[in-house]
PDB file of N, CA and C in Angstrom:
ATOM      1  N   MET A   1      39.702 -69.733  88.914  1.00  0.00           N
ATOM      2  CA  MET A   1      39.994 -68.445  88.309  1.00  0.00           C
ATOM      3  C   MET A   1      39.277 -67.394  89.136  1.00  0.00           C
ATOM      4  N   SER A   2      39.986 -66.435  89.639  1.00  0.00           N
ATOM      5  CA  SER A   2      39.375 -65.372  90.418  1.00  0.00           C
ATOM      6  C   SER A   2      39.344 -64.094  89.600  1.00  0.00           C
ATOM      7  N   GLU A   3      38.672 -63.106  90.138  1.00  0.00           N
ATOM      8  CA  GLU A   3      38.576 -61.837  89.430  1.00  0.00           C
ATOM      9  C   GLU A   3      39.949 -61.204  89.238  1.00  0.00           C
ATOM     10  N   THR A   4      40.849 -61.454  90.152  1.00  0.00           N
ATOM     11  CA  THR A   4      42.189 -60.882  90.027  1.00  0.00           C
ATOM     12  C   THR A   4      43.060 -61.660  89.045  1.00  0.00           C
ATOM     13  N   ASN A   5      42.642 -62.867  88.668  1.00  0.00           N
ATOM     14  CA  ASN A   5      43.397 -63.688  87.728  1.00  0.00           C
ATOM     15  C   ASN A   5      42.749 -63.684  86.350  1.00  0.00           C
ATOM     16  N   ALA A   6      42.439 -62.533  85.815  1.00  0.00           N
ATOM     17  CA  ALA A   6      41.795 -62.452  84.512  1.00  0.00           C
ATOM     18  C   ALA A   6      42.726 -63.014  83.441  1.00  0.00           C
ATOM     19  N   VAL A   7      42.146 -63.755  82.504  1.00  0.00           N
ATOM     20  CA  VAL A   7      42.878 -64.367  81.407  1.00  0.00           C
ATOM     21  C   VAL A   7      42.572 -63.571  80.145  1.00  0.00           C
ATOM     22  N   LYS A   8      43.602 -63.227  79.348  1.00  0.00           N
ATOM     23  CA  LYS A   8      43.385 -62.485  78.114  1.00  0.00           C
ATOM     24  C   LYS A   8      42.803 -63.421  77.053  1.00  0.00           C
ATOM     25  N   ILE A   9      41.658 -63.024  76.506  1.00  0.00           N
ATOM     26  CA  ILE A   9      40.950 -63.878  75.560  1.00  0.00           C
ATOM     27  C   ILE A   9      40.398 -63.072  74.388  1.00  0.00           C
ATOM     28  N   ALA A  10      39.978 -63.814  73.365  1.00  0.00           N
ATOM     29  CA  ALA A  10      39.144 -63.283  72.287  1.00  0.00           C
ATOM     30  C   ALA A  10      37.786 -63.954  72.465  1.00  0.00           C
ATOM     31  N   TRP A  11      36.702 -63.188  72.372  1.00  0.00           N
ATOM     32  CA  TRP A  11      35.374 -63.772  72.551  1.00  0.00           C
ATOM     33  C   TRP A  11      34.359 -63.105  71.632  1.00  0.00           C
ATOM     34  N   HIS A  12      33.323 -63.856  71.325  1.00  0.00           N
ATOM     35  CA  HIS A  12      32.209 -63.305  70.552  1.00  0.00           C
ATOM     36  C   HIS A  12      30.950 -64.104  70.837  1.00  0.00           C
ATOM     37  N   ARG A  13      29.831 -63.475  70.566  1.00  0.00           N
ATOM     38  CA  ARG A  13      28.527 -64.099  70.789  1.00  0.00           C
ATOM     39  C   ARG A  13      27.992 -64.579  69.450  1.00  0.00           C
ATOM     40  N   GLY A  14      27.570 -65.824  69.381  1.00  0.00           N
ATOM     41  CA  GLY A  14      27.005 -66.378  68.158  1.00  0.00           C
ATOM     42  C   GLY A  14      28.065 -66.646  67.105  1.00  0.00           C
ATOM     43  N   GLU A  15      27.604 -67.005  65.933  1.00  0.00           N
ATOM     44  CA  GLU A  15      28.511 -67.354  64.840  1.00  0.00           C
ATOM     45  C   GLU A  15      29.147 -66.142  64.168  1.00  0.00           C
ATOM     46  N   ARG A  16      28.442 -65.039  64.095  1.00  0.00           N
ATOM     47  CA  ARG A  16      28.923 -63.911  63.312  1.00  0.00           C
ATOM     48  C   ARG A  16      29.098 -62.621  64.124  1.00  0.00           C
ATOM     49  N   GLY A  17      29.037 -62.712  65.415  1.00  0.00           N
ATOM     50  CA  GLY A  17      29.174 -61.516  66.234  1.00  0.00           C
ATOM     51  C   GLY A  17      30.574 -60.939  66.172  1.00  0.00           C
ATOM     52  N   PRO A  18      30.711 -59.651  66.479  1.00  0.00           N
ATOM     53  CA  PRO A  18      32.051 -59.055  66.497  1.00  0.00           C
ATOM     54  C   PRO A  18      32.920 -59.730  67.561  1.00  0.00           C
ATOM     55  N   THR A  19      34.202 -59.836  67.277  1.00  0.00           N
ATOM     56  CA  THR A  19      35.136 -60.439  68.225  1.00  0.00           C
ATOM     57  C   THR A  19      35.727 -59.340  69.099  1.00  0.00           C
ATOM     58  N   TYR A  20      35.685 -59.558  70.387  1.00  0.00           N
ATOM     59  CA  TYR A  20      36.250 -58.629  71.358  1.00  0.00           C
ATOM     60  C   TYR A  20      37.533 -59.228  71.914  1.00  0.00           C
ATOM     61  N   ILE A  21      38.539 -58.407  72.100  1.00  0.00           N
ATOM     62  CA  ILE A  21      39.772 -58.835  72.755  1.00  0.00           C
ATOM     63  C   ILE A  21      39.754 -58.222  74.138  1.00  0.00           C
ATOM     64  N   GLY A  22      39.846 -59.084  75.137  1.00  0.00           N
ATOM     65  CA  GLY A  22      39.763 -58.596  76.513  1.00  0.00           C
ATOM     66  C   GLY A  22      40.132 -59.682  77.489  1.00  0.00           C
ATOM     67  N   GLY A  23      39.277 -59.862  78.480  1.00  0.00           N
ATOM     68  CA  GLY A  23      39.573 -60.822  79.523  1.00  0.00           C
ATOM     69  C   GLY A  23      38.338 -61.523  80.023  1.00  0.00           C
ATOM     70  N   VAL A  24      38.579 -62.594  80.765  1.00  0.00           N
ATOM     71  CA  VAL A  24      37.513 -63.328  81.438  1.00  0.00           C
ATOM     72  C   VAL A  24      37.956 -63.555  82.871  1.00  0.00           C
ATOM     73  N   SER A  25      37.018 -63.439  83.776  1.00  0.00           N
ATOM     74  CA  SER A  25      37.288 -63.755  85.170  1.00  0.00           C
ATOM     75  C   SER A  25      36.043 -64.403  85.743  1.00  0.00           C
ATOM     76  N   ARG A  26      36.236 -65.138  86.818  1.00  0.00           N
ATOM     77  CA  ARG A  26      35.112 -65.807  87.460  1.00  0.00           C
ATOM     78  C   ARG A  26      35.144 -65.497  88.940  1.00  0.00           C
ATOM     79  N   THR A  27      33.997 -65.093  89.438  1.00  0.00           N
ATOM     80  CA  THR A  27      33.838 -64.895  90.873  1.00  0.00           C
ATOM     81  C   THR A  27      32.994 -66.046  91.393  1.00  0.00           C
ATOM     82  N   ALA A  28      32.636 -66.014  92.652  1.00  0.00           N
ATOM     83  CA  ALA A  28      31.834 -67.086  93.233  1.00  0.00           C
ATOM     84  C   ALA A  28      30.450 -67.178  92.598  1.00  0.00           C
ATOM     85  N   ASP A  29      29.959 -66.077  92.024  1.00  0.00           N
ATOM     86  CA  ASP A  29      28.597 -66.093  91.498  1.00  0.00           C
ATOM     87  C   ASP A  29      28.442 -65.628  90.054  1.00  0.00           C
ATOM     88  N   ALA A  30      29.542 -65.323  89.353  1.00  0.00           N
ATOM     89  CA  ALA A  30      29.397 -64.816  87.980  1.00  0.00           C
ATOM     90  C   ALA A  30      30.662 -65.039  87.155  1.00  0.00           C
ATOM     91  N   ILE A  31      30.459 -65.037  85.835  1.00  0.00           N
ATOM     92  CA  ILE A  31      31.559 -65.000  84.875  1.00  0.00           C
ATOM     93  C   ILE A  31      31.506 -63.619  84.246  1.00  0.00           C
ATOM     94  N   ARG A  32      32.643 -62.928  84.207  1.00  0.00           N
ATOM     95  CA  ARG A  32      32.686 -61.572  83.661  1.00  0.00           C
ATOM     96  C   ARG A  32      33.606 -61.551  82.445  1.00  0.00           C
ATOM     97  N   LEU A  33      33.058 -61.078  81.329  1.00  0.00           N
ATOM     98  CA  LEU A  33      33.818 -60.904  80.095  1.00  0.00           C
ATOM     99  C   LEU A  33      34.001 -59.422  79.845  1.00  0.00           C
ATOM    100  N   THR A  34      35.197 -59.024  79.469  1.00  0.00           N
ATOM    101  CA  THR A  34      35.465 -57.640  79.099  1.00  0.00           C
ATOM    102  C   THR A  34      36.150 -57.638  77.743  1.00  0.00           C
ATOM    103  N   GLY A  35      36.084 -56.515  77.056  1.00  0.00           N
ATOM    104  CA  GLY A  35      36.748 -56.428  75.769  1.00  0.00           C
ATOM    105  C   GLY A  35      36.578 -55.072  75.133  1.00  0.00           C
ATOM    106  N   ARG A  36      37.180 -54.929  73.967  1.00  0.00           N
ATOM    107  CA  ARG A  36      37.103 -53.691  73.208  1.00  0.00           C
ATOM    108  C   ARG A  36      36.374 -53.973  71.918  1.00  0.00           C
ATOM    109  N   ASP A  37      35.359 -53.161  71.624  1.00  0.00           N
ATOM    110  CA  ASP A  37      34.596 -53.265  70.386  1.00  0.00           C
ATOM    111  C   ASP A  37      35.499 -52.845  69.229  1.00  0.00           C
ATOM    112  N   PRO A  38      35.724 -53.734  68.243  1.00  0.00           N
ATOM    113  CA  PRO A  38      36.667 -53.422  67.169  1.00  0.00           C
ATOM    114  C   PRO A  38      36.178 -52.336  66.213  1.00  0.00           C
ATOM    115  N   VAL A  39      34.875 -52.133  66.115  1.00  0.00           N
ATOM    116  CA  VAL A  39      34.327 -51.147  65.191  1.00  0.00           C
ATOM    117  C   VAL A  39      34.236 -49.779  65.849  1.00  0.00           C
ATOM    118  N   LEU A  40      33.617 -49.741  67.014  1.00  0.00           N
ATOM    119  CA  LEU A  40      33.399 -48.464  67.695  1.00  0.00           C
ATOM    120  C   LEU A  40      34.556 -48.056  68.594  1.00  0.00           C
ATOM    121  N   GLY A  41      35.411 -48.997  68.956  1.00  0.00           N
ATOM    122  CA  GLY A  41      36.547 -48.678  69.813  1.00  0.00           C
ATOM    123  C   GLY A  41      36.170 -48.405  71.250  1.00  0.00           C
ATOM    124  N   ILE A  42      34.981 -48.861  71.665  1.00  0.00           N
ATOM    125  CA  ILE A  42      34.578 -48.648  73.055  1.00  0.00           C
ATOM    126  C   ILE A  42      34.766 -49.935  73.847  1.00  0.00           C
ATOM    127  N   ASP A  43      34.919 -49.788  75.141  1.00  0.00           N
ATOM    128  CA  ASP A  43      35.045 -50.948  76.010  1.00  0.00           C
ATOM    129  C   ASP A  43      33.661 -51.527  76.284  1.00  0.00           C
ATOM    130  N   VAL A  44      33.593 -52.861  76.329  1.00  0.00           N
ATOM    131  CA  VAL A  44      32.346 -53.553  76.640  1.00  0.00           C
ATOM    132  C   VAL A  44      32.599 -54.510  77.793  1.00  0.00           C
ATOM    133  N   ALA A  45      31.562 -54.796  78.544  1.00  0.00           N
ATOM    134  CA  ALA A  45      31.654 -55.752  79.646  1.00  0.00           C
ATOM    135  C   ALA A  45      30.339 -56.512  79.731  1.00  0.00           C
ATOM    136  N   LEU A  46      30.444 -57.783  80.070  1.00  0.00           N
ATOM    137  CA  LEU A  46      29.274 -58.642  80.198  1.00  0.00           C
ATOM    138  C   LEU A  46      29.463 -59.501  81.430  1.00  0.00           C
ATOM    139  N   SER A  47      28.552 -59.386  82.378  1.00  0.00           N
ATOM    140  CA  SER A  47      28.577 -60.237  83.568  1.00  0.00           C
ATOM    141  C   SER A  47      27.447 -61.244  83.453  1.00  0.00           C
ATOM    142  N   ILE A  48      27.779 -62.520  83.606  1.00  0.00           N
ATOM    143  CA  ILE A  48      26.810 -63.589  83.466  1.00  0.00           C
ATOM    144  C   ILE A  48      26.697 -64.313  84.800  1.00  0.00           C
ATOM    145  N   PRO A  49      25.539 -64.216  85.469  1.00  0.00           N
ATOM    146  CA  PRO A  49      25.381 -64.967  86.717  1.00  0.00           C
ATOM    147  C   PRO A  49      25.534 -66.461  86.445  1.00  0.00           C
ATOM    148  N   LEU A  50      26.233 -67.166  87.317  1.00  0.00           N
ATOM    149  CA  LEU A  50      26.477 -68.596  87.113  1.00  0.00           C
ATOM    150  C   LEU A  50      25.188 -69.392  86.980  1.00  0.00           C
ATOM    151  N   GLU A  51      24.131 -68.980  87.677  1.00  0.00           N
ATOM    152  CA  GLU A  51      22.878 -69.728  87.568  1.00  0.00           C
ATOM    153  C   GLU A  51      22.218 -69.570  86.193  1.00  0.00           C
ATOM    154  N   GLU A  52      22.704 -68.600  85.396  1.00  0.00           N
ATOM    155  CA  GLU A  52      22.200 -68.414  84.039  1.00  0.00           C
ATOM    156  C   GLU A  52      22.985 -69.212  83.003  1.00  0.00           C
ATOM    157  N   VAL A  53      24.102 -69.823  83.397  1.00  0.00           N
ATOM    158  CA  VAL A  53      24.919 -70.616  82.477  1.00  0.00           C
ATOM    159  C   VAL A  53      24.335 -72.021  82.432  1.00  0.00           C
ATOM    160  N   GLU A  54      23.856 -72.396  81.261  1.00  0.00           N
ATOM    161  CA  GLU A  54      23.263 -73.721  81.080  1.00  0.00           C
ATOM    162  C   GLU A  54      24.332 -74.801  80.964  1.00  0.00           C
ATOM    163  N   HIS A  55      25.435 -74.467  80.271  1.00  0.00           N
ATOM    164  CA  HIS A  55      26.490 -75.449  80.027  1.00  0.00           C
ATOM    165  C   HIS A  55      27.771 -74.720  79.624  1.00  0.00           C
ATOM    166  N   ILE A  56      28.915 -75.246  80.069  1.00  0.00           N
ATOM    167  CA  ILE A  56      30.219 -74.793  79.601  1.00  0.00           C
ATOM    168  C   ILE A  56      30.854 -75.982  78.906  1.00  0.00           C
ATOM    169  N   GLY A  57      31.226 -75.819  77.634  1.00  0.00           N
ATOM    170  CA  GLY A  57      31.790 -76.934  76.886  1.00  0.00           C
ATOM    171  C   GLY A  57      32.989 -76.515  76.066  1.00  0.00           C
ATOM    172  N   ILE A  58      33.558 -77.482  75.384  1.00  0.00           N
ATOM    173  CA  ILE A  58      34.676 -77.237  74.477  1.00  0.00           C
ATOM    174  C   ILE A  58      34.248 -77.721  73.100  1.00  0.00           C
ATOM    175  N   ALA A  59      34.505 -76.924  72.087  1.00  0.00           N
ATOM    176  CA  ALA A  59      34.143 -77.289  70.720  1.00  0.00           C
ATOM    177  C   ALA A  59      35.319 -77.002  69.796  1.00  0.00           C
ATOM    178  N   GLU A  60      35.230 -77.540  68.603  1.00  0.00           N
ATOM    179  CA  GLU A  60      36.257 -77.337  67.573  1.00  0.00           C
ATOM    180  C   GLU A  60      35.673 -76.486  66.458  1.00  0.00           C
ATOM    181  N   GLY A  61      36.438 -75.491  66.015  1.00  0.00           N
ATOM    182  CA  GLY A  61      36.040 -74.689  64.868  1.00  0.00           C
ATOM    183  C   GLY A  61      36.289 -75.457  63.588  1.00  0.00           C
ATOM    184  N   PRO A  62      35.707 -75.007  62.475  1.00  0.00           N
ATOM    185  CA  PRO A  62      35.943 -75.682  61.200  1.00  0.00           C
ATOM    186  C   PRO A  62      37.427 -75.653  60.845  1.00  0.00           C
ATOM    187  N   SER A  63      37.958 -76.785  60.400  1.00  0.00           N
ATOM    188  CA  SER A  63      39.371 -76.815  60.039  1.00  0.00           C
ATOM    189  C   SER A  63      39.610 -75.954  58.810  1.00  0.00           C
ATOM    190  N   GLY A  64      40.742 -75.290  58.797  1.00  0.00           N
ATOM    191  CA  GLY A  64      41.091 -74.434  57.672  1.00  0.00           C
ATOM    192  C   GLY A  64      40.541 -73.029  57.771  1.00  0.00           C
ATOM    193  N   SER A  65      39.648 -72.774  58.719  1.00  0.00           N
ATOM    194  CA  SER A  65      39.117 -71.414  58.856  1.00  0.00           C
ATOM    195  C   SER A  65      40.038 -70.591  59.735  1.00  0.00           C
ATOM    196  N   SER A  66      39.917 -69.285  59.634  1.00  0.00           N
ATOM    197  CA  SER A  66      40.749 -68.410  60.466  1.00  0.00           C
ATOM    198  C   SER A  66      40.389 -68.560  61.932  1.00  0.00           C
ATOM    199  N   ASP A  67      39.183 -69.042  62.206  1.00  0.00           N
ATOM    200  CA  ASP A  67      38.714 -69.256  63.568  1.00  0.00           C
ATOM    201  C   ASP A  67      38.893 -70.698  64.012  1.00  0.00           C
ATOM    202  N   GLY A  68      39.577 -71.528  63.195  1.00  0.00           N
ATOM    203  CA  GLY A  68      39.725 -72.942  63.495  1.00  0.00           C
ATOM    204  C   GLY A  68      40.409 -73.174  64.828  1.00  0.00           C
ATOM    205  N   GLY A  69      40.284 -74.371  65.339  1.00  0.00           N
ATOM    206  CA  GLY A  69      40.883 -74.726  66.616  1.00  0.00           C
ATOM    207  C   GLY A  69      39.831 -74.829  67.701  1.00  0.00           C
ATOM    208  N   SER A  70      40.273 -75.178  68.883  1.00  0.00           N
ATOM    209  CA  SER A  70      39.368 -75.363  70.014  1.00  0.00           C
ATOM    210  C   SER A  70      38.961 -74.038  70.625  1.00  0.00           C
ATOM    211  N   PHE A  71      37.764 -74.021  71.206  1.00  0.00           N
ATOM    212  CA  PHE A  71      37.304 -72.863  71.948  1.00  0.00           C
ATOM    213  C   PHE A  71      36.332 -73.303  73.028  1.00  0.00           C
ATOM    214  N   VAL A  72      36.160 -72.472  74.033  1.00  0.00           N
ATOM    215  CA  VAL A  72      35.211 -72.714  75.107  1.00  0.00           C
ATOM    216  C   VAL A  72      33.880 -72.108  74.685  1.00  0.00           C
ATOM    217  N   VAL A  73      32.796 -72.816  74.969  1.00  0.00           N
ATOM    218  CA  VAL A  73      31.460 -72.336  74.638  1.00  0.00           C
ATOM    219  C   VAL A  73      30.662 -72.183  75.924  1.00  0.00           C
ATOM    220  N   LEU A  74      30.099 -71.007  76.128  1.00  0.00           N
ATOM    221  CA  LEU A  74      29.168 -70.772  77.229  1.00  0.00           C
ATOM    222  C   LEU A  74      27.765 -70.799  76.637  1.00  0.00           C
ATOM    223  N   CYS A  75      26.964 -71.765  77.039  1.00  0.00           N
ATOM    224  CA  CYS A  75      25.589 -71.866  76.547  1.00  0.00           C
ATOM    225  C   CYS A  75      24.657 -71.226  77.568  1.00  0.00           C
ATOM    226  N   LEU A  76      23.852 -70.289  77.074  1.00  0.00           N
ATOM    227  CA  LEU A  76      22.904 -69.571  77.913  1.00  0.00           C
ATOM    228  C   LEU A  76      21.500 -69.832  77.376  1.00  0.00           C
ATOM    229  N   PRO A  77      20.531 -70.136  78.240  1.00  0.00           N
ATOM    230  CA  PRO A  77      19.190 -70.425  77.749  1.00  0.00           C
ATOM    231  C   PRO A  77      18.583 -69.208  77.045  1.00  0.00           C
ATOM    232  N   GLY A  78      17.996 -69.448  75.877  1.00  0.00           N
ATOM    233  CA  GLY A  78      17.314 -68.377  75.145  1.00  0.00           C
ATOM    234  C   GLY A  78      18.238 -67.346  74.533  1.00  0.00           C
ATOM    235  N   SER A  79      19.518 -67.672  74.357  1.00  0.00           N
ATOM    236  CA  SER A  79      20.485 -66.717  73.830  1.00  0.00           C
ATOM    237  C   SER A  79      21.514 -67.448  72.980  1.00  0.00           C
ATOM    238  N   GLU A  80      22.168 -66.710  72.097  1.00  0.00           N
ATOM    239  CA  GLU A  80      23.241 -67.310  71.314  1.00  0.00           C
ATOM    240  C   GLU A  80      24.406 -67.669  72.231  1.00  0.00           C
ATOM    241  N   PRO A  81      25.089 -68.774  71.958  1.00  0.00           N
ATOM    242  CA  PRO A  81      26.234 -69.142  72.799  1.00  0.00           C
ATOM    243  C   PRO A  81      27.376 -68.139  72.640  1.00  0.00           C
ATOM    244  N   ILE A  82      28.190 -68.067  73.658  1.00  0.00           N
ATOM    245  CA  ILE A  82      29.368 -67.202  73.644  1.00  0.00           C
ATOM    246  C   ILE A  82      30.582 -68.101  73.477  1.00  0.00           C
ATOM    247  N   GLN A  83      31.426 -67.772  72.503  1.00  0.00           N
ATOM    248  CA  GLN A  83      32.628 -68.552  72.230  1.00  0.00           C
ATOM    249  C   GLN A  83      33.841 -67.748  72.673  1.00  0.00           C
ATOM    250  N   LEU A  84      34.760 -68.403  73.379  1.00  0.00           N
ATOM    251  CA  LEU A  84      35.963 -67.709  73.816  1.00  0.00           C
ATOM    252  C   LEU A  84      37.166 -68.626  73.757  1.00  0.00           C
ATOM    253  N   ARG A  85      38.321 -68.013  73.513  1.00  0.00           N
ATOM    254  CA  ARG A  85      39.588 -68.755  73.470  1.00  0.00           C
ATOM    255  C   ARG A  85      40.703 -67.826  73.955  1.00  0.00           C
ATOM    256  N   PRO A  86      41.720 -68.407  74.585  1.00  0.00           N
ATOM    257  CA  PRO A  86      42.856 -67.587  75.007  1.00  0.00           C
ATOM    258  C   PRO A  86      43.537 -66.968  73.787  1.00  0.00           C
ATOM    259  N   VAL A  87      44.003 -65.745  73.931  1.00  0.00           N
ATOM    260  CA  VAL A  87      44.742 -65.089  72.855  1.00  0.00           C
ATOM    261  C   VAL A  87      46.079 -65.807  72.714  1.00  0.00           C
ATOM    262  N   ALA A  88      46.436 -66.141  71.502  1.00  0.00           N
ATOM    263  CA  ALA A  88      47.687 -66.865  71.194  1.00  0.00           C
ATOM    264  C   ALA A  88      47.776 -68.171  71.964  1.00  0.00           C
ATOM    265  N   GLY A  89      46.622 -68.803  72.188  1.00  0.00           N
ATOM    266  CA  GLY A  89      46.606 -70.051  72.933  1.00  0.00           C
ATOM    267  C   GLY A  89      46.566 -71.260  72.025  1.00  0.00           C
ATOM    268  N   ASN A  90      46.738 -72.419  72.646  1.00  0.00           N
ATOM    269  CA  ASN A  90      46.613 -73.682  71.934  1.00  0.00           C
ATOM    270  C   ASN A  90      45.490 -74.486  72.576  1.00  0.00           C
ATOM    271  N   SER A  91      45.266 -75.701  72.122  1.00  0.00           N
ATOM    272  CA  SER A  91      44.142 -76.482  72.641  1.00  0.00           C
ATOM    273  C   SER A  91      44.307 -76.788  74.131  1.00  0.00           C
ATOM    274  N   LEU A  92      45.537 -76.941  74.612  1.00  0.00           N
ATOM    275  CA  LEU A  92      45.737 -77.163  76.037  1.00  0.00           C
ATOM    276  C   LEU A  92      45.289 -75.936  76.823  1.00  0.00           C
ATOM    277  N   ASP A  93      45.614 -74.731  76.343  1.00  0.00           N
ATOM    278  CA  ASP A  93      45.183 -73.506  77.011  1.00  0.00           C
ATOM    279  C   ASP A  93      43.663 -73.423  77.065  1.00  0.00           C
ATOM    280  N   VAL A  94      42.988 -73.865  76.010  1.00  0.00           N
ATOM    281  CA  VAL A  94      41.525 -73.860  75.982  1.00  0.00           C
ATOM    282  C   VAL A  94      40.993 -74.794  77.058  1.00  0.00           C
ATOM    283  N   HIS A  95      41.584 -75.990  77.194  1.00  0.00           N
ATOM    284  CA  HIS A  95      41.138 -76.934  78.216  1.00  0.00           C
ATOM    285  C   HIS A  95      41.395 -76.391  79.620  1.00  0.00           C
ATOM    286  N   LEU A  96      42.532 -75.738  79.826  1.00  0.00           N
ATOM    287  CA  LEU A  96      42.820 -75.137  81.133  1.00  0.00           C
ATOM    288  C   LEU A  96      41.834 -74.017  81.449  1.00  0.00           C
ATOM    289  N   LEU A  97      41.488 -73.215  80.440  1.00  0.00           N
ATOM    290  CA  LEU A  97      40.506 -72.146  80.633  1.00  0.00           C
ATOM    291  C   LEU A  97      39.152 -72.740  81.004  1.00  0.00           C
ATOM    292  N   ALA A  98      38.716 -73.765  80.288  1.00  0.00           N
ATOM    293  CA  ALA A  98      37.433 -74.406  80.583  1.00  0.00           C
ATOM    294  C   ALA A  98      37.425 -74.983  81.993  1.00  0.00           C
ATOM    295  N   ARG A  99      38.527 -75.612  82.379  1.00  0.00           N
ATOM    296  CA  ARG A  99      38.617 -76.184  83.723  1.00  0.00           C
ATOM    297  C   ARG A  99      38.538 -75.089  84.790  1.00  0.00           C
ATOM    298  N   ALA A 100      39.214 -73.964  84.547  1.00  0.00           N
ATOM    299  CA  ALA A 100      39.185 -72.853  85.500  1.00  0.00           C
ATOM    300  C   ALA A 100      37.774 -72.270  85.621  1.00  0.00           C
ATOM    301  N   MET A 101      36.990 -72.408  84.556  1.00  0.00           N
ATOM    302  CA  MET A 101      35.623 -71.888  84.583  1.00  0.00           C
ATOM    303  C   MET A 101      34.650 -72.892  85.179  1.00  0.00           C
ATOM    304  N   GLY A 102      35.130 -74.082  85.530  1.00  0.00           N
ATOM    305  CA  GLY A 102      34.279 -75.043  86.210  1.00  0.00           C
ATOM    306  C   GLY A 102      33.961 -76.281  85.416  1.00  0.00           C
ATOM    307  N   LEU A 103      34.549 -76.457  84.242  1.00  0.00           N
ATOM    308  CA  LEU A 103      34.311 -77.645  83.431  1.00  0.00           C
ATOM    309  C   LEU A 103      35.259 -78.743  83.881  1.00  0.00           C
ATOM    310  N   THR A 104      34.742 -79.891  84.237  1.00  0.00           N
ATOM    311  CA  THR A 104      35.571 -80.997  84.701  1.00  0.00           C
ATOM    312  C   THR A 104      36.096 -81.792  83.517  1.00  0.00           C
ATOM    313  N   PRO A 105      37.170 -82.553  83.693  1.00  0.00           N
ATOM    314  CA  PRO A 105      37.698 -83.347  82.581  1.00  0.00           C
ATOM    315  C   PRO A 105      36.662 -84.294  81.975  1.00  0.00           C
ATOM    316  N   ALA A 106      35.829 -84.952  82.790  1.00  0.00           N
ATOM    317  CA  ALA A 106      34.823 -85.880  82.261  1.00  0.00           C
ATOM    318  C   ALA A 106      33.803 -85.143  81.399  1.00  0.00           C
ATOM    319  N   SER A 107      33.322 -83.996  81.855  1.00  0.00           N
ATOM    320  CA  SER A 107      32.331 -83.268  81.054  1.00  0.00           C
ATOM    321  C   SER A 107      32.972 -82.667  79.811  1.00  0.00           C
ATOM    322  N   ALA A 108      34.289 -82.380  79.844  1.00  0.00           N
ATOM    323  CA  ALA A 108      34.964 -81.896  78.648  1.00  0.00           C
ATOM    324  C   ALA A 108      34.969 -82.976  77.582  1.00  0.00           C
ATOM    325  N   GLN A 109      35.178 -84.233  77.974  1.00  0.00           N
ATOM    326  CA  GLN A 109      35.151 -85.326  77.008  1.00  0.00           C
ATOM    327  C   GLN A 109      33.760 -85.478  76.429  1.00  0.00           C
ATOM    328  N   LEU A 110      32.754 -85.382  77.258  1.00  0.00           N
ATOM    329  CA  LEU A 110      31.383 -85.514  76.786  1.00  0.00           C
ATOM    330  C   LEU A 110      31.018 -84.389  75.845  1.00  0.00           C
ATOM    331  N   ALA A 111      31.506 -83.183  76.117  1.00  0.00           N
ATOM    332  CA  ALA A 111      31.208 -82.045  75.254  1.00  0.00           C
ATOM    333  C   ALA A 111      31.814 -82.244  73.868  1.00  0.00           C
ATOM    334  N   GLN A 112      32.881 -83.033  73.787  1.00  0.00           N
ATOM    335  CA  GLN A 112      33.527 -83.297  72.505  1.00  0.00           C
ATOM    336  C   GLN A 112      33.037 -84.604  71.886  1.00  0.00           C
ATOM    337  N   GLY A 113      32.056 -85.250  72.490  1.00  0.00           N
ATOM    338  CA  GLY A 113      31.540 -86.479  71.940  1.00  0.00           C
ATOM    339  C   GLY A 113      32.296 -87.711  72.383  1.00  0.00           C
ATOM    340  N   GLY A 114      33.170 -87.554  73.380  1.00  0.00           N
ATOM    341  CA  GLY A 114      33.948 -88.692  73.878  1.00  0.00           C
ATOM    342  C   GLY A 114      33.199 -89.466  74.929  1.00  0.00           C
ATOM    343  N   ARG A 115      33.875 -90.451  75.488  1.00  0.00           N
ATOM    344  CA  ARG A 115      33.271 -91.274  76.534  1.00  0.00           C
ATOM    345  C   ARG A 115      34.095 -91.168  77.790  1.00  0.00           C
ATOM    346  N   THR A 116      33.427 -91.294  78.918  1.00  0.00           N
ATOM    347  CA  THR A 116      34.148 -91.259  80.186  1.00  0.00           C
ATOM    348  C   THR A 116      34.471 -92.641  80.663  1.00  0.00           C
TER     349      THR A 116
END
């Protein structure tokens, strides 16, 4: 995934953070998230240096919740994880997004509790 190939996503930090609708892109040294703050209506951007990303995984939301389904999790040391999913995506889209961000199929299975 390059900066020119931004993917439209919904993302939020932690369990209860506001959800931003925007994009994600990855350069050689960073992951960049952009979006619009739903309350204030302002644009937000977050650049995360790759060396600050502790882990990229895939998780499942609680079934029956409005946020249910698969999502990508960016784990950052000393910070709440960032959860993101493609807008109008399905679980395959989530896996493709994770792979584009550098998550390999074997580590995706491990992140879900599977075996390689």
